[in-house]
Amino acid sequence: MEKLREKLATLRAEIDAANERAETSEQALKQLEDQQTDRDQELISYQNRIRRLEDEAQMREDQLDEAKQFQRDNEATLNESDVLVKKVVTLEERFDDTESKLREALEKIRAYDLENEGLQRTITQHEKDKEIAEQKYEEMKEKYLASKGELDETIKMLESM
């Protein structure tokens, strides 16, 4: 009888440990899913920013094209030409500034893409880890159910004695 009680206590301890591991795995899974959601939102934010920067670059290029056309159309007089040249120089300087900002933005985009690839690899690894944890959980669950069945049979045998 004492051995049976010890075995029951051991089985209960194993069950508690299995339940605790399962809860830990579920918490880790929840955390990974939250991280994935955060990464997805961050990626959408970066994509929106890229679109805005591309639109701004196109707008700047259009402005530069307009300024150059304006310069060609108004070269009738020297004074007007001088004024236009100054405007073109100003716009070209702005274009150069915008172009350098665009290059910086593209470099940042590349960096974000690299970071995103790294995060995707991390997510893939976490998903693999999750699958492994789920498999272990299922194995422990099967062991738990088998142990519970044995315990129930043992209890029935003891009750019948």
C-alpha atoms as a PDB file:
ATOM      1  CA  MET A   1       0.000   0.000   0.000  1.00  0.00           C
ATOM      2  CA  GLU A   2       2.839   2.339   0.862  1.00  0.00           C
ATOM      3  CA  LYS A   3       4.532   1.609  -2.463  1.00  0.00           C
ATOM      4  CA  LEU A   4       1.323   2.446  -4.262  1.00  0.00           C
ATOM      5  CA  ARG A   5       1.111   5.768  -2.466  1.00  0.00           C
ATOM      6  CA  GLU A   6       4.703   6.496  -3.358  1.00  0.00           C
ATOM      7  CA  LYS A   7       4.021   5.596  -6.965  1.00  0.00           C
ATOM      8  CA  LEU A   8       0.935   7.829  -6.939  1.00  0.00           C
ATOM      9  CA  ALA A   9       2.977  10.686  -5.504  1.00  0.00           C
ATOM     10  CA  THR A  10       5.646  10.134  -8.145  1.00  0.00           C
ATOM     11  CA  LEU A  11       3.052  10.083 -10.919  1.00  0.00           C
ATOM     12  CA  ARG A  12       1.441  13.241  -9.585  1.00  0.00           C
ATOM     13  CA  ALA A  13       4.829  14.964  -9.507  1.00  0.00           C
ATOM     14  CA  GLU A  14       5.473  13.881 -13.107  1.00  0.00           C
ATOM     15  CA  ILE A  15       2.040  15.136 -14.139  1.00  0.00           C
ATOM     16  CA  ASP A  16       2.652  18.474 -12.431  1.00  0.00           C
ATOM     17  CA  ALA A  17       6.045  18.778 -14.130  1.00  0.00           C
ATOM     18  CA  ALA A  18       4.526  17.937 -17.520  1.00  0.00           C
ATOM     19  CA  ASN A  19       1.768  20.499 -17.005  1.00  0.00           C
ATOM     20  CA  GLU A  20       4.316  23.113 -15.998  1.00  0.00           C
ATOM     21  CA  ARG A  21       6.408  22.409 -19.107  1.00  0.00           C
ATOM     22  CA  ALA A  22       3.300  22.632 -21.270  1.00  0.00           C
ATOM     23  CA  GLU A  23       2.392  26.010 -19.747  1.00  0.00           C
ATOM     24  CA  THR A  24       5.937  27.245 -20.305  1.00  0.00           C
ATOM     25  CA  SER A  25       5.783  26.148 -23.942  1.00  0.00           C
ATOM     26  CA  GLU A  26       2.433  27.867 -24.418  1.00  0.00           C
ATOM     27  CA  GLN A  27       3.784  31.089 -22.916  1.00  0.00           C
ATOM     28  CA  ALA A  28       6.826  30.952 -25.185  1.00  0.00           C
ATOM     29  CA  LEU A  29       4.569  30.377 -28.188  1.00  0.00           C
ATOM     30  CA  LYS A  30       2.399  33.364 -27.234  1.00  0.00           C
ATOM     31  CA  GLN A  31       5.483  35.532 -26.878  1.00  0.00           C
ATOM     32  CA  LEU A  32       6.767  34.447 -30.288  1.00  0.00           C
ATOM     33  CA  GLU A  33       3.402  35.175 -31.872  1.00  0.00           C
ATOM     34  CA  ASP A  34       3.388  38.640 -30.269  1.00  0.00           C
ATOM     35  CA  GLN A  35       6.891  39.265 -31.596  1.00  0.00           C
ATOM     36  CA  GLN A  36       5.793  38.168 -35.072  1.00  0.00           C
ATOM     37  CA  THR A  37       2.862  40.601 -34.944  1.00  0.00           C
ATOM     38  CA  ASP A  38       5.186  43.411 -33.870  1.00  0.00           C
ATOM     39  CA  ARG A  39       7.597  42.581 -36.692  1.00  0.00           C
ATOM     40  CA  ASP A  40       4.759  42.516 -39.224  1.00  0.00           C
ATOM     41  CA  GLN A  41       3.550  45.934 -38.061  1.00  0.00           C
ATOM     42  CA  GLU A  42       7.089  47.279 -38.206  1.00  0.00           C
ATOM     43  CA  LEU A  43       7.480  45.910 -41.750  1.00  0.00           C
ATOM     44  CA  ILE A  44       4.230  47.575 -42.854  1.00  0.00           C
ATOM     45  CA  SER A  45       5.445  50.837 -41.335  1.00  0.00           C
ATOM     46  CA  TYR A  46       8.715  50.568 -43.263  1.00  0.00           C
ATOM     47  CA  GLN A  47       6.883  49.778 -46.482  1.00  0.00           C
ATOM     48  CA  ASN A  48       4.659  52.833 -46.034  1.00  0.00           C
ATOM     49  CA  ARG A  49       7.682  54.982 -45.385  1.00  0.00           C
ATOM     50  CA  ILE A  50       9.374  53.650 -48.528  1.00  0.00           C
ATOM     51  CA  ARG A  51       6.302  54.526 -50.599  1.00  0.00           C
ATOM     52  CA  ARG A  52       6.249  58.058 -49.171  1.00  0.00           C
ATOM     53  CA  LEU A  53       9.948  58.530 -49.904  1.00  0.00           C
ATOM     54  CA  GLU A  54       9.528  57.227 -53.443  1.00  0.00           C
ATOM     55  CA  ASP A  55       6.572  59.577 -53.986  1.00  0.00           C
ATOM     56  CA  GLU A  56       8.591  62.485 -52.631  1.00  0.00           C
ATOM     57  CA  ALA A  57      11.534  61.599 -54.882  1.00  0.00           C
ATOM     58  CA  GLN A  58       9.205  61.455 -57.895  1.00  0.00           C
ATOM     59  CA  MET A  59       7.718  64.798 -56.909  1.00  0.00           C
ATOM     60  CA  ARG A  60      11.195  66.292 -56.642  1.00  0.00           C
ATOM     61  CA  GLU A  61      12.168  64.896 -60.023  1.00  0.00           C
ATOM     62  CA  ASP A  62       8.975  66.325 -61.501  1.00  0.00           C
ATOM     63  CA  GLN A  63       9.776  69.690 -59.932  1.00  0.00           C
ATOM     64  CA  LEU A  64      13.256  69.585 -61.411  1.00  0.00           C
ATOM     65  CA  ASP A  65      11.866  68.683 -64.827  1.00  0.00           C
ATOM     66  CA  GLU A  66       9.406  71.563 -64.583  1.00  0.00           C
ATOM     67  CA  ALA A  67      12.159  73.966 -63.588  1.00  0.00           C
ATOM     68  CA  LYS A  68      14.319  72.885 -66.510  1.00  0.00           C
ATOM     69  CA  GLN A  69      11.383  73.276 -68.896  1.00  0.00           C
ATOM     70  CA  PHE A  70      10.697  76.680 -67.418  1.00  0.00           C
ATOM     71  CA  GLN A  71      14.313  77.615 -68.025  1.00  0.00           C
ATOM     72  CA  ARG A  72      14.178  76.551 -71.696  1.00  0.00           C
ATOM     73  CA  ASP A  73      10.900  78.383 -72.330  1.00  0.00           C
ATOM     74  CA  ASN A  74      12.018  81.717 -70.857  1.00  0.00           C
ATOM     75  CA  GLU A  75      15.482  82.231 -72.291  1.00  0.00           C
ATOM     76  CA  ALA A  76      14.225  85.142 -74.441  1.00  0.00           C
ATOM     77  CA  THR A  77      15.868  87.828 -72.392  1.00  0.00           C
ATOM     78  CA  LEU A  78      19.116  87.877 -70.499  1.00  0.00           C
ATOM     79  CA  ASN A  79      17.556  89.075 -67.233  1.00  0.00           C
ATOM     80  CA  GLU A  80      14.906  86.402 -67.308  1.00  0.00           C
ATOM     81  CA  SER A  81      17.557  83.864 -68.149  1.00  0.00           C
ATOM     82  CA  ASP A  82      19.683  84.918 -65.172  1.00  0.00           C
ATOM     83  CA  VAL A  83      16.702  84.625 -62.868  1.00  0.00           C
ATOM     84  CA  LEU A  84      15.873  81.215 -64.239  1.00  0.00           C
ATOM     85  CA  VAL A  85      19.455  80.052 -63.938  1.00  0.00           C
ATOM     86  CA  LYS A  86      19.400  80.980 -60.278  1.00  0.00           C
ATOM     87  CA  LYS A  87      16.152  79.083 -59.826  1.00  0.00           C
ATOM     88  CA  VAL A  88      17.534  76.068 -61.631  1.00  0.00           C
ATOM     89  CA  VAL A  89      20.669  76.123 -59.514  1.00  0.00           C
ATOM     90  CA  THR A  90      18.519  76.287 -56.421  1.00  0.00           C
ATOM     91  CA  LEU A  91      16.332  73.454 -57.648  1.00  0.00           C
ATOM     92  CA  GLU A  92      19.362  71.377 -58.618  1.00  0.00           C
ATOM     93  CA  GLU A  93      20.779  71.901 -55.170  1.00  0.00           C
ATOM     94  CA  ARG A  94      17.462  70.815 -53.747  1.00  0.00           C
ATOM     95  CA  PHE A  95      17.453  67.883 -56.130  1.00  0.00           C
ATOM     96  CA  ASP A  96      20.966  66.931 -55.044  1.00  0.00           C
ATOM     97  CA  ASP A  97      19.828  67.138 -51.428  1.00  0.00           C
ATOM     98  CA  THR A  98      16.767  65.086 -52.232  1.00  0.00           C
ATOM     99  CA  GLU A  99      18.853  62.640 -54.228  1.00  0.00           C
ATOM    100  CA  SER A 100      21.250  62.167 -51.322  1.00  0.00           C
ATOM    101  CA  LYS A 101      18.279  61.742 -48.983  1.00  0.00           C
ATOM    102  CA  LEU A 102      16.867  59.191 -51.396  1.00  0.00           C
ATOM    103  CA  ARG A 103      20.182  57.321 -51.445  1.00  0.00           C
ATOM    104  CA  GLU A 104      20.209  57.337 -47.654  1.00  0.00           C
ATOM    105  CA  ALA A 105      16.621  56.135 -47.618  1.00  0.00           C
ATOM    106  CA  LEU A 106      17.462  53.354 -50.072  1.00  0.00           C
ATOM    107  CA  GLU A 107      20.419  52.336 -47.919  1.00  0.00           C
ATOM    108  CA  LYS A 108      18.126  52.259 -44.907  1.00  0.00           C
ATOM    109  CA  ILE A 109      15.626  50.217 -46.902  1.00  0.00           C
ATOM    110  CA  ARG A 110      18.350  47.745 -47.795  1.00  0.00           C
ATOM    111  CA  ALA A 111      19.368  47.593 -44.144  1.00  0.00           C
ATOM    112  CA  TYR A 112      15.737  47.049 -43.146  1.00  0.00           C
ATOM    113  CA  ASP A 113      15.430  44.343 -45.792  1.00  0.00           C
ATOM    114  CA  LEU A 114      18.506  42.612 -44.383  1.00  0.00           C
ATOM    115  CA  GLU A 115      17.158  42.978 -40.874  1.00  0.00           C
ATOM    116  CA  ASN A 116      13.794  41.668 -42.055  1.00  0.00           C
ATOM    117  CA  GLU A 117      15.478  38.636 -43.623  1.00  0.00           C
ATOM    118  CA  GLY A 118      17.252  37.988 -40.347  1.00  0.00           C
ATOM    119  CA  LEU A 119      13.985  38.325 -38.481  1.00  0.00           C
ATOM    120  CA  GLN A 120      12.297  35.974 -40.937  1.00  0.00           C
ATOM    121  CA  ARG A 121      15.029  33.414 -40.300  1.00  0.00           C
ATOM    122  CA  THR A 122      14.544  33.906 -36.562  1.00  0.00           C
ATOM    123  CA  ILE A 123      10.796  33.464 -36.943  1.00  0.00           C
ATOM    124  CA  THR A 124      11.331  30.312 -38.983  1.00  0.00           C
ATOM    125  CA  GLN A 125      13.632  28.956 -36.283  1.00  0.00           C
ATOM    126  CA  HIS A 126      11.107  29.874 -33.588  1.00  0.00           C
ATOM    127  CA  GLU A 127       8.392  28.109 -35.546  1.00  0.00           C
ATOM    128  CA  LYS A 128      10.578  25.009 -35.779  1.00  0.00           C
ATOM    129  CA  ASP A 129      11.244  25.273 -32.039  1.00  0.00           C
ATOM    130  CA  LYS A 130       7.506  25.629 -31.487  1.00  0.00           C
ATOM    131  CA  GLU A 131       6.833  22.471 -33.492  1.00  0.00           C
ATOM    132  CA  ILE A 132       9.435  20.583 -31.484  1.00  0.00           C
ATOM    133  CA  ALA A 133       7.927  21.873 -28.239  1.00  0.00           C
ATOM    134  CA  GLU A 134       4.461  20.857 -29.404  1.00  0.00           C
ATOM    135  CA  GLN A 135       5.730  17.386 -30.293  1.00  0.00           C
ATOM    136  CA  LYS A 136       7.312  17.081 -26.859  1.00  0.00           C
ATOM    137  CA  TYR A 137       4.090  18.315 -25.321  1.00  0.00           C
ATOM    138  CA  GLU A 138       2.093  15.676 -27.216  1.00  0.00           C
ATOM    139  CA  GLU A 139       4.550  12.970 -26.137  1.00  0.00           C
ATOM    140  CA  MET A 140       4.285  14.089 -22.516  1.00  0.00           C
ATOM    141  CA  LYS A 141       0.519  14.203 -22.837  1.00  0.00           C
ATOM    142  CA  GLU A 142       0.493  10.634 -24.144  1.00  0.00           C
ATOM    143  CA  LYS A 143       2.754   9.540 -21.295  1.00  0.00           C
ATOM    144  CA  TYR A 144       0.522  11.378 -18.859  1.00  0.00           C
ATOM    145  CA  LEU A 145      -2.609   9.702 -20.220  1.00  0.00           C
ATOM    146  CA  ALA A 146      -0.888   6.304 -20.147  1.00  0.00           C
ATOM    147  CA  SER A 147       0.242   6.916 -16.565  1.00  0.00           C
ATOM    148  CA  LYS A 148      -3.233   8.069 -15.638  1.00  0.00           C
ATOM    149  CA  GLY A 149      -4.699   4.914 -17.176  1.00  0.00           C
ATOM    150  CA  GLU A 150      -2.260   2.768 -15.221  1.00  0.00           C
ATOM    151  CA  LEU A 151      -3.071   4.710 -12.078  1.00  0.00           C
ATOM    152  CA  ASP A 152      -6.805   4.243 -12.621  1.00  0.00           C
ATOM    153  CA  GLU A 153      -6.297   0.503 -13.171  1.00  0.00           C
ATOM    154  CA  THR A 154      -4.153   0.301 -10.051  1.00  0.00           C
ATOM    155  CA  ILE A 155      -6.776   2.160  -8.031  1.00  0.00           C
ATOM    156  CA  LYS A 156      -9.506  -0.174  -9.322  1.00  0.00           C
ATOM    157  CA  MET A 157      -7.377  -3.177  -8.407  1.00  0.00           C
ATOM    158  CA  LEU A 158      -6.797  -1.782  -4.929  1.00  0.00           C
ATOM    159  CA  GLU A 159     -10.462  -0.995  -4.465  1.00  0.00           C
ATOM    160  CA  SER A 160     -11.419  -4.500  -5.512  1.00  0.00           C
ATOM    161  CA  MET A 161      -9.036  -5.973  -2.909  1.00  0.00           C
END
